């Protein structure tokens, strides 16, 4: 679907236009990142205002992320069929209006519905814009364009937790969404000038059956997990929803494997290095993405911190994430992707165990050091999976591989938060069963330990990975051979 954009987008645009377009898309991505990460520290305030449990607010985050996951594969087809400018501006419009709706929500159902709309807008906005930038930038300027596109992923997670905590503590959580209004209006004005009107009059047919079955399966999975995570488990809803999810996702896989132009090209999973990212990598992302959500609730509900304090502390995770970035490539070159991946998984599990042991009297420097370390191993793990994913994918299949990878990343993030909320619900009975005793912090301690156990899935898969996996992209083998020759 994205191949049509490859053919129709000019390859040698004016450098200034490419730069300005990249900055516009980066700004939209920043707006999306802030909304995705600022909600967690504000969850207790949102819950109190809407008269629900703080853990229930996870559905607001999950609904948004999973909507992105389902619609990302469709956004490229929409751009080629109806024009990239129209889809991009439509995405900005929907995202902005949905943000106003989020701010005006009077109940959890209404807030979740408007977050779904935000996800629809986000799926049309950032992926289409990113694709246009990459396809319209000359090769000489590609590195700079990618730098523009990736800065929101580094800056927003640092800013958003503190912003969400401060706004909810000193103003109102509704301002988290209202600040999107001026940004969205500016994006519409600039988008009309900067976004090229790229389209294809004869796009590939949309895999409607694959899309419908995938959407049905994912939606039923979320409903089933939410039913399991309620204070009083809704058994009938959970059983029916999970049965529908199993059937829908099974039929979706069968359809995608048979379709001539599938929504998602699953045959790429036959590549071992790609498959380890799709399976173990998704499990790792699910666990690690859940940590900021779970930690913000633990600090506030378990240890009695304010939203502003917890938001500032969650920044430590992302400080470690950013600080280690320059060292991740040298680490993989020195030790190989498999070794570094194993180290990141084991260390992340250890950090989760450390979080389970935190108390109100834990020294602040020790707490900060633990969170910085968790952020470091988060970043290292993500980098290893992202590096090995495309190591053995040929150029002809790169677009399909990228689309599937983006979809699985969003699915992992959304499901991870839902699982974390479920683990908190299970924490109280499990904590009592093992003799932890009463206390507001106990369910969160159990949830951290259960998340650490989930990391056994990527650990086993990484152990089975070939020791030379990804050497072609890291240069590890070449370095090893050079070292052996020099010793000889």
Protein backbone atom coordinates (compact mmCIF):
# COMPACT_ATOMS: atom_id res chain seq x y z
CA UNK A 1 0.00 0.00 0.00
CA UNK A 2 2.81 2.36 0.80
CA UNK A 3 4.56 1.45 -2.46
CA UNK A 4 2.25 3.78 -4.35
CA UNK A 5 3.54 6.67 -2.31
CA UNK A 6 7.06 5.60 -3.22
CA UNK A 7 6.24 6.04 -6.90
CA UNK A 8 4.25 9.24 -6.73
CA UNK A 9 6.27 11.30 -4.25
CA UNK A 10 8.91 13.62 -5.74
CA UNK A 11 12.46 12.54 -4.97
CA UNK A 12 14.17 15.91 -5.09
CA UNK A 13 12.09 18.53 -3.28
CA UNK A 14 13.31 21.88 -2.06
CA UNK A 15 15.42 21.23 1.04
CA UNK A 16 13.56 23.84 3.10
CA UNK A 17 10.19 22.29 2.32
CA UNK A 18 11.44 18.84 3.39
CA UNK A 19 12.82 20.28 6.62
CA UNK A 20 9.64 22.18 7.39
CA UNK A 21 7.48 19.15 6.61
CA UNK A 22 9.65 16.99 8.87
CA UNK A 23 9.34 19.53 11.69
CA UNK A 24 5.55 19.66 11.23
CA UNK A 25 5.25 15.87 11.43
CA UNK A 26 7.60 15.84 14.43
CA UNK A 27 5.41 18.42 16.20
CA UNK A 28 2.31 16.31 15.56
CA UNK A 29 4.17 13.26 16.83
CA UNK A 30 5.18 15.19 19.95
CA UNK A 31 1.53 16.10 20.58
CA UNK A 32 0.56 12.44 20.22
CA UNK A 33 3.39 11.23 22.48
CA UNK A 34 2.45 13.70 25.23
CA UNK A 35 -1.15 12.52 25.24
CA UNK A 36 -0.04 8.89 25.33
CA UNK A 37 2.28 9.31 28.34
CA UNK A 38 0.81 12.17 30.39
CA UNK A 39 -2.34 10.29 31.38
CA UNK A 40 -0.64 7.79 33.72
CA UNK A 41 0.42 10.28 36.45
CA UNK A 42 -3.02 11.90 36.23
CA UNK A 43 -4.93 8.61 36.53
CA UNK A 44 -5.90 8.96 40.22
CA UNK A 45 -7.22 12.50 39.62
CA UNK A 46 -9.15 11.37 36.54
CA UNK A 47 -10.57 8.46 38.52
CA UNK A 48 -11.64 10.68 41.43
CA UNK A 49 -13.30 13.16 39.08
CA UNK A 50 -15.14 10.44 37.13
CA UNK A 51 -15.95 8.37 40.23
CA UNK A 52 -14.13 5.19 39.20
CA UNK A 53 -11.14 3.22 40.44
CA UNK A 54 -7.72 4.55 39.41
CA UNK A 55 -6.80 1.19 37.87
CA UNK A 56 -9.89 1.41 35.64
CA UNK A 57 -8.36 4.42 33.89
CA UNK A 58 -6.03 1.99 32.11
CA UNK A 59 -8.77 1.48 29.52
CA UNK A 60 -8.31 5.12 28.46
CA UNK A 61 -4.67 4.41 27.59
CA UNK A 62 -5.27 0.95 26.17
CA UNK A 63 -8.12 2.03 23.89
CA UNK A 64 -5.97 4.76 22.36
CA UNK A 65 -2.91 2.59 21.73
CA UNK A 66 -4.82 -0.38 20.34
CA UNK A 67 -6.83 1.86 18.00
CA UNK A 68 -3.51 3.08 16.62
CA UNK A 69 -2.34 -0.52 16.20
CA UNK A 70 -5.42 -1.60 14.25
CA UNK A 71 -5.54 1.44 11.97
CA UNK A 72 -1.85 1.99 11.17
CA UNK A 73 -1.90 -0.63 8.35
CA UNK A 74 -4.94 1.10 6.80
CA UNK A 75 -3.52 4.63 6.89
CA UNK A 76 -1.11 4.03 3.99
CA UNK A 77 -3.93 2.73 1.77
CA UNK A 78 -6.14 5.70 2.66
CA UNK A 79 -3.34 8.10 1.71
CA UNK A 80 -2.80 6.48 -1.67
CA UNK A 81 -6.53 6.32 -2.38
CA UNK A 82 -7.75 9.72 -1.15
CA UNK A 83 -4.56 11.78 -1.11
CA UNK A 84 -1.92 12.16 1.56
CA UNK A 85 -2.74 15.79 2.30
CA UNK A 86 -6.44 15.07 2.80
CA UNK A 87 -5.76 12.12 5.13
CA UNK A 88 -3.10 13.98 7.11
CA UNK A 89 -5.27 17.07 7.62
CA UNK A 90 -8.24 14.85 8.40
CA UNK A 91 -6.17 13.09 11.04
CA UNK A 92 -5.11 16.39 12.64
CA UNK A 93 -8.75 17.56 12.65
CA UNK A 94 -10.08 14.37 14.24
CA UNK A 95 -7.27 14.29 16.81
CA UNK A 96 -7.83 17.93 17.80
CA UNK A 97 -11.62 17.65 18.08
CA UNK A 98 -11.31 14.39 20.00
CA UNK A 99 -8.91 16.12 22.41
CA UNK A 100 -11.60 18.71 23.16
CA UNK A 101 -14.05 15.85 23.66
CA UNK A 102 -11.65 14.18 26.13
CA UNK A 103 -11.43 17.40 28.12
CA UNK A 104 -15.23 17.67 28.23
CA UNK A 105 -15.87 14.01 29.20
CA UNK A 106 -18.10 13.49 32.25
CA UNK A 107 -17.71 9.71 32.56
CA UNK A 108 -15.17 6.97 31.89
CA UNK A 109 -17.21 5.64 28.95
CA UNK A 110 -17.27 9.05 27.28
CA UNK A 111 -13.55 9.57 27.89
CA UNK A 112 -12.76 6.15 26.44
CA UNK A 113 -14.90 6.85 23.36
CA UNK A 114 -13.15 10.15 22.67
CA UNK A 115 -9.76 8.47 23.19
CA UNK A 116 -10.79 5.98 20.50
CA UNK A 117 -11.42 8.94 18.22
CA UNK A 118 -8.01 10.32 19.14
CA UNK A 119 -6.50 7.01 18.12
CA UNK A 120 -8.26 7.20 14.75
CA UNK A 121 -6.88 10.69 14.21
CA UNK A 122 -3.41 9.69 15.34
CA UNK A 123 -3.31 6.73 12.97
CA UNK A 124 -4.12 9.00 10.02
CA UNK A 125 -1.82 11.82 11.15
CA UNK A 126 1.65 10.68 12.17
CA UNK A 127 2.23 7.48 10.10
CA UNK A 128 1.16 9.19 6.86
CA UNK A 129 3.24 12.27 7.66
CA UNK A 130 6.29 10.18 8.55
CA UNK A 131 6.01 8.20 5.32
CA UNK A 132 5.75 11.38 3.25
CA UNK A 133 8.87 12.82 4.86
CA UNK A 134 10.92 9.69 4.27
CA UNK A 135 9.77 9.39 0.66
CA UNK A 136 10.15 13.07 -0.26
CA UNK A 137 13.57 13.70 1.27
CA UNK A 138 16.72 13.33 -0.88
CA UNK A 139 19.10 10.67 0.39
CA UNK A 140 21.64 13.33 1.33
CA UNK A 141 19.17 14.78 3.83
CA UNK A 142 17.65 11.54 5.08
CA UNK A 143 19.71 11.33 8.28
CA UNK A 144 18.68 14.85 9.30
CA UNK A 145 15.03 14.15 8.43
CA UNK A 146 15.05 11.02 10.59
CA UNK A 147 16.61 13.02 13.41
CA UNK A 148 13.70 15.49 13.19
CA UNK A 149 11.19 12.64 13.25
CA UNK A 150 12.71 10.83 16.23
CA UNK A 151 13.24 13.71 18.66
CA UNK A 152 9.64 13.53 19.99
CA UNK A 153 10.28 9.95 21.11
CA UNK A 154 13.14 11.22 23.29
CA UNK A 155 11.77 14.54 24.54
CA UNK A 156 8.03 13.83 25.05
CA UNK A 157 8.46 10.97 27.56
CA UNK A 158 10.67 13.25 29.66
CA UNK A 159 8.27 16.19 29.56
CA UNK A 160 4.90 14.42 29.61
CA UNK A 161 4.91 12.70 33.04
CA UNK A 162 5.85 15.93 34.82
CA UNK A 163 3.36 17.89 32.73
CA UNK A 164 0.53 15.42 33.41
CA UNK A 165 1.30 15.32 37.12
CA UNK A 166 1.63 19.08 37.49
CA UNK A 167 -1.53 19.90 35.52
CA UNK A 168 -3.64 17.38 37.42
CA UNK A 169 -2.27 18.53 40.80
CA UNK A 170 -2.30 22.31 40.37
CA UNK A 171 -4.93 22.86 37.65
CA UNK A 172 -7.02 20.05 36.13
CA UNK A 173 -6.29 16.84 34.24
CA UNK A 174 -8.51 18.19 31.46
CA UNK A 175 -5.75 20.60 30.44
CA UNK A 176 -3.69 17.61 29.30
CA UNK A 177 -6.07 17.44 26.34
CA UNK A 178 -6.95 21.13 25.96
CA UNK A 179 -3.36 22.08 25.17
CA UNK A 180 -3.80 20.14 21.92
CA UNK A 181 -6.29 22.71 20.62
CA UNK A 182 -3.82 25.50 19.66
CA UNK A 183 -1.28 22.90 18.49
CA UNK A 184 -3.87 21.21 16.29
CA UNK A 185 -5.05 24.49 14.76
CA UNK A 186 -1.46 25.43 13.95
CA UNK A 187 -0.94 21.99 12.41
CA UNK A 188 -3.96 22.47 10.13
CA UNK A 189 -2.73 25.87 8.88
CA UNK A 190 0.82 24.66 8.24
CA UNK A 191 -0.33 21.30 6.85
CA UNK A 192 -2.26 22.94 4.03
CA UNK A 193 0.96 24.67 2.94
CA UNK A 194 3.56 21.95 3.53
CA UNK A 195 1.96 18.53 2.93
CA UNK A 196 2.15 17.43 -0.75
CA UNK A 197 -1.03 16.09 -2.34
CA UNK A 198 0.26 12.61 -3.16
CA UNK A 199 -2.19 9.94 -4.31
CA UNK A 200 -2.59 6.91 -6.57
CA UNK A 201 -5.63 6.58 -8.79
CA UNK A 202 -5.24 2.79 -8.86
CA UNK A 203 -4.20 1.67 -5.36
CA UNK A 204 -4.07 -1.95 -4.33
CA UNK A 205 -7.42 -3.20 -3.01
CA UNK A 206 -7.89 -2.89 0.73
CA UNK A 207 -8.00 -6.22 2.56
CA UNK A 208 -11.37 -5.49 4.16
CA UNK A 209 -11.83 -9.00 5.55
CA UNK A 210 -8.39 -8.99 7.14
CA UNK A 211 -9.04 -5.57 8.65
CA UNK A 212 -12.49 -6.49 10.00
CA UNK A 213 -11.30 -9.75 11.57
CA UNK A 214 -8.21 -8.11 13.10
CA UNK A 215 -10.24 -5.23 14.53
CA UNK A 216 -12.87 -7.64 15.91
CA UNK A 217 -10.24 -9.85 17.55
CA UNK A 218 -8.32 -6.97 19.14
CA UNK A 219 -11.49 -5.23 20.38
CA UNK A 220 -12.83 -8.48 21.89
CA UNK A 221 -9.46 -9.13 23.55
CA UNK A 222 -9.52 -5.73 25.26
CA UNK A 223 -13.14 -6.18 26.39
CA UNK A 224 -12.34 -9.62 27.78
CA UNK A 225 -9.29 -8.41 29.71
CA UNK A 226 -11.23 -5.44 31.09
CA UNK A 227 -14.01 -7.78 32.25
CA UNK A 228 -11.43 -9.95 34.03
CA UNK A 229 -9.87 -6.89 35.66
CA UNK A 230 -13.02 -5.48 37.25
CA UNK A 231 -13.31 -5.46 41.06
CA UNK A 232 -16.08 -8.04 40.67
CA UNK A 233 -15.12 -10.21 37.69
CA UNK A 234 -17.75 -10.25 34.95
CA UNK A 235 -17.25 -13.92 34.08
CA UNK A 236 -19.84 -14.22 31.31
CA UNK A 237 -18.59 -11.14 29.46
CA UNK A 238 -14.98 -12.22 29.85
CA UNK A 239 -15.60 -15.75 28.54
CA UNK A 240 -17.64 -14.60 25.53
CA UNK A 241 -15.24 -11.77 24.65
CA UNK A 242 -12.12 -13.92 24.92
CA UNK A 243 -13.77 -16.66 22.85
CA UNK A 244 -14.63 -14.10 20.17
CA UNK A 245 -11.07 -12.74 20.37
CA UNK A 246 -9.59 -16.19 19.88
CA UNK A 247 -11.88 -16.97 16.95
CA UNK A 248 -11.48 -13.54 15.36
CA UNK A 249 -7.68 -13.45 15.59
CA UNK A 250 -7.38 -17.06 14.36
CA UNK A 251 -9.54 -16.30 11.32
CA UNK A 252 -7.59 -13.07 10.79
CA UNK A 253 -4.30 -14.98 10.66
CA UNK A 254 -5.73 -17.54 8.21
CA UNK A 255 -7.11 -14.73 6.03
CA UNK A 256 -3.86 -12.75 6.06
CA UNK A 257 -1.87 -15.81 5.05
CA UNK A 258 -4.18 -16.50 2.08
CA UNK A 259 -4.85 -12.96 0.81
CA UNK A 260 -3.14 -11.74 -2.36
CA UNK A 261 -2.77 -8.23 -0.91
CA UNK A 262 -2.96 -8.81 2.85
CA UNK A 263 -3.45 -6.02 5.34
CA UNK A 264 -0.40 -7.37 7.18
CA UNK A 265 2.20 -9.60 5.54
CA UNK A 266 2.57 -12.40 8.11
CA UNK A 267 4.85 -14.51 5.92
CA UNK A 268 7.71 -12.25 7.04
CA UNK A 269 7.50 -14.03 10.39
CA UNK A 270 9.27 -16.97 8.77
CA UNK A 271 12.48 -14.94 9.15
CA UNK A 272 13.91 -15.97 12.52
CA UNK A 273 15.45 -12.62 13.45
CA UNK A 274 12.23 -10.80 12.58
CA UNK A 275 10.13 -13.35 14.45
CA UNK A 276 12.08 -12.84 17.69
CA UNK A 277 11.13 -9.16 17.61
CA UNK A 278 7.51 -9.93 16.76
CA UNK A 279 7.06 -12.47 19.58
CA UNK A 280 9.59 -11.95 22.37
CA UNK A 281 10.00 -8.30 21.48
CA UNK A 282 6.26 -7.68 21.78
CA UNK A 283 6.21 -9.35 25.21
CA UNK A 284 9.19 -7.28 26.32
CA UNK A 285 7.54 -4.09 25.08
CA UNK A 286 4.28 -5.01 26.81
CA UNK A 287 6.03 -5.34 30.17
CA UNK A 288 8.29 -2.32 29.85
CA UNK A 289 5.54 -0.03 28.54
CA UNK A 290 3.36 -0.95 31.51
CA UNK A 291 5.97 0.22 34.05
CA UNK A 292 5.32 4.02 33.85
CA UNK A 293 1.56 3.43 34.24
CA UNK A 294 1.97 1.02 37.15
CA UNK A 295 4.71 3.05 38.82
CA UNK A 296 2.69 6.29 38.77
CA UNK A 297 -0.24 4.55 40.46
CA UNK A 298 2.02 2.79 42.97
CA UNK A 299 3.73 6.01 44.05
CA UNK A 300 0.42 7.81 44.53
CA UNK A 301 -1.96 5.11 45.81
CA UNK A 302 0.61 2.86 47.48
CA UNK A 303 3.15 5.30 48.91
CA UNK A 304 1.02 8.45 49.23
CA UNK A 305 2.84 10.72 46.78
CA UNK A 306 1.13 13.53 44.87
CA UNK A 307 0.58 13.35 41.11
CA UNK A 308 3.17 16.09 40.59
CA UNK A 309 5.76 14.21 42.66
CA UNK A 310 5.12 10.89 40.90
CA UNK A 311 5.24 12.58 37.49
CA UNK A 312 8.65 14.05 38.28
CA UNK A 313 9.93 10.70 39.54
CA UNK A 314 8.74 8.81 36.44
CA UNK A 315 11.02 11.13 34.44
CA UNK A 316 13.94 9.17 35.90
CA UNK A 317 12.91 6.19 33.74
CA UNK A 318 13.23 8.24 30.60
CA UNK A 319 16.42 9.99 31.70
CA UNK A 320 18.06 6.57 31.76
CA UNK A 321 16.41 5.79 28.43
CA UNK A 322 17.97 8.84 26.76
CA UNK A 323 21.33 8.75 28.55
CA UNK A 324 22.27 5.25 27.37
CA UNK A 325 21.36 5.83 23.71
CA UNK A 326 24.90 6.72 22.51
CA UNK A 327 26.26 3.52 24.07
CA UNK A 328 23.73 1.00 22.74
CA UNK A 329 25.29 0.54 19.29
CA UNK A 330 28.85 0.10 20.66
CA UNK A 331 27.50 -2.44 23.17
CA UNK A 332 25.89 -4.50 20.40
CA UNK A 333 29.02 -4.22 18.27
CA UNK A 334 31.20 -5.38 21.16
CA UNK A 335 29.09 -8.21 22.61
CA UNK A 336 26.54 -9.08 19.89
CA UNK A 337 22.79 -8.50 19.86
CA UNK A 338 21.87 -11.78 21.58
CA UNK A 339 24.12 -11.19 24.59
CA UNK A 340 23.01 -7.59 25.05
CA UNK A 341 19.36 -8.60 24.63
CA UNK A 342 19.66 -11.27 27.33
CA UNK A 343 21.32 -8.81 29.66
CA UNK A 344 18.57 -6.23 29.15
CA UNK A 345 15.81 -8.78 29.84
CA UNK A 346 17.38 -10.16 33.02
CA UNK A 347 18.26 -6.69 34.32
CA UNK A 348 14.75 -5.39 33.58
CA UNK A 349 13.28 -8.27 35.59
CA UNK A 350 15.63 -7.42 38.46
CA UNK A 351 14.52 -3.77 38.35
CA UNK A 352 10.87 -4.85 38.53
CA UNK A 353 11.68 -6.95 41.59
CA UNK A 354 13.38 -3.90 43.10
CA UNK A 355 10.27 -1.78 42.51
CA UNK A 356 8.20 -4.36 44.36
CA UNK A 357 10.39 -3.81 47.42
CA UNK A 358 10.06 -0.01 47.51
CA UNK A 359 8.55 1.55 50.63
CA UNK A 360 7.67 5.04 51.81
CA UNK A 361 11.03 5.16 53.64
CA UNK A 362 13.18 4.17 50.65
CA UNK A 363 15.89 6.85 50.24
CA UNK A 364 15.17 9.09 47.27
CA UNK A 365 18.66 8.62 45.70
CA UNK A 366 18.19 4.84 45.79
CA UNK A 367 14.73 5.09 44.23
CA UNK A 368 16.03 7.43 41.54
CA UNK A 369 18.97 5.15 40.77
CA UNK A 370 16.63 2.15 40.42
CA UNK A 371 14.38 3.99 37.96
CA UNK A 372 17.30 5.34 35.94
CA UNK A 373 18.68 1.79 35.72
CA UNK A 374 15.28 0.50 34.59
CA UNK A 375 15.20 3.19 31.90
CA UNK A 376 18.68 2.21 30.75
CA UNK A 377 17.76 -1.46 30.31
CA UNK A 378 14.45 -0.44 28.71
CA UNK A 379 16.35 1.51 26.06
CA UNK A 380 18.97 -1.19 25.51
CA UNK A 381 16.29 -3.87 25.10
CA UNK A 382 14.22 -1.83 22.66
CA UNK A 383 17.34 -1.05 20.61
CA UNK A 384 18.35 -4.70 20.33
CA UNK A 385 14.90 -5.72 19.14
CA UNK A 386 14.64 -2.83 16.69
CA UNK A 387 18.11 -3.62 15.33
CA UNK A 388 17.61 -7.34 14.84
CA UNK A 389 14.10 -6.96 13.38
CA UNK A 390 15.21 -5.94 9.89
CA UNK A 391 18.65 -7.57 9.85
CA UNK A 392 17.59 -10.29 7.38
CA UNK A 393 14.65 -8.57 5.63
CA UNK A 394 15.33 -7.82 1.96
CA UNK A 395 14.56 -4.38 0.52
CA UNK A 396 11.50 -5.58 -1.43
CA UNK A 397 9.73 -6.59 1.79
CA UNK A 398 10.89 -3.72 3.98
CA UNK A 399 7.65 -1.70 3.73
CA UNK A 400 5.52 -4.68 4.77
CA UNK A 401 7.98 -5.54 7.54
CA UNK A 402 7.92 -1.98 8.86
CA UNK A 403 4.11 -1.85 8.87
CA UNK A 404 3.79 -5.17 10.70
CA UNK A 405 6.47 -4.16 13.20
CA UNK A 406 4.75 -0.84 13.98
CA UNK A 407 1.43 -2.61 14.44
CA UNK A 408 2.89 -5.23 16.79
CA UNK A 409 4.68 -2.54 18.82
CA UNK A 410 1.42 -0.67 19.43
CA UNK A 411 -0.42 -3.91 20.21
CA UNK A 412 2.26 -4.87 22.71
CA UNK A 413 2.10 -1.48 24.42
CA UNK A 414 -1.70 -1.50 24.68
CA UNK A 415 -1.98 -5.08 25.88
CA UNK A 416 0.83 -4.52 28.38
CA UNK A 417 -1.07 -1.73 30.15
CA UNK A 418 -4.23 -3.85 30.21
CA UNK A 419 -2.26 -6.77 31.67
CA UNK A 420 -0.72 -4.50 34.33
CA UNK A 421 -4.20 -3.37 35.40
CA UNK A 422 -5.32 -7.01 35.54
CA UNK A 423 -2.29 -7.92 37.68
CA UNK A 424 -3.14 -5.14 40.15
CA UNK A 425 -6.64 -6.61 40.45
CA UNK A 426 -5.13 -10.04 41.08
CA UNK A 427 -2.59 -8.57 43.49
CA UNK A 428 -4.89 -8.36 46.49
CA UNK A 429 -6.05 -12.01 46.57
CA UNK A 430 -2.61 -13.30 45.58
CA UNK A 431 -0.93 -11.09 48.17
CA UNK A 432 -3.24 -12.41 50.88
CA UNK A 433 -2.62 -15.99 49.72
CA UNK A 434 1.16 -15.65 50.15
CA UNK A 435 0.85 -13.80 53.46
CA UNK A 436 1.76 -10.24 52.44
CA UNK A 437 -1.03 -8.84 54.59
CA UNK A 438 -3.24 -5.80 53.96
CA UNK A 439 -2.06 -2.48 52.60
CA UNK A 440 -2.66 -0.21 49.63
CA UNK A 441 0.80 -0.97 48.22
CA UNK A 442 0.54 -4.78 48.24
CA UNK A 443 -1.44 -5.28 44.98
CA UNK A 444 1.15 -3.19 43.14
CA UNK A 445 4.03 -5.19 44.60
CA UNK A 446 2.44 -8.40 43.33
CA UNK A 447 1.83 -6.79 39.92
CA UNK A 448 5.53 -5.86 39.58
CA UNK A 449 6.55 -9.44 40.36
CA UNK A 450 4.03 -10.88 37.87
CA UNK A 451 5.32 -8.53 35.17
CA UNK A 452 8.84 -9.75 35.90
CA UNK A 453 7.65 -13.33 35.38
CA UNK A 454 6.19 -12.40 31.97
CA UNK A 455 9.75 -11.58 30.90
CA UNK A 456 10.43 -15.33 30.92
CA UNK A 457 8.81 -15.40 27.46
CA UNK A 458 11.36 -13.11 25.74
CA UNK A 459 14.14 -14.64 27.87
CA UNK A 460 13.52 -18.16 26.54
CA UNK A 461 13.20 -16.91 22.97
CA UNK A 462 16.42 -14.90 23.24
CA UNK A 463 18.24 -17.98 24.58
CA UNK A 464 17.14 -19.89 21.46
CA UNK A 465 18.30 -17.10 19.14
CA UNK A 466 21.40 -17.75 17.04
CA UNK A 467 24.52 -16.21 18.60
CA UNK A 468 25.37 -14.48 15.31
CA UNK A 469 21.91 -12.94 14.86
CA UNK A 470 22.11 -9.34 13.71
CA UNK A 471 25.90 -9.36 13.26
CA UNK A 472 25.43 -8.02 9.74
CA UNK A 473 23.91 -4.79 11.06
CA UNK A 474 26.09 -4.33 14.17
CA UNK A 475 29.48 -5.38 12.79
CA UNK A 476 30.00 -7.71 15.75
CA UNK A 477 31.33 -10.62 13.67
CA UNK A 478 33.74 -8.39 11.79
CA UNK A 479 35.06 -6.98 15.06
CA UNK A 480 35.50 -10.46 16.51
CA UNK A 481 37.35 -11.69 13.43
CA UNK A 482 39.61 -8.63 13.45
CA UNK A 483 40.43 -9.28 17.11
CA UNK A 484 41.27 -12.95 16.45
CA UNK A 485 43.50 -12.04 13.47
CA UNK A 486 45.41 -9.48 15.49
CA UNK A 487 46.00 -12.04 18.26
CA UNK A 488 47.18 -14.58 15.72
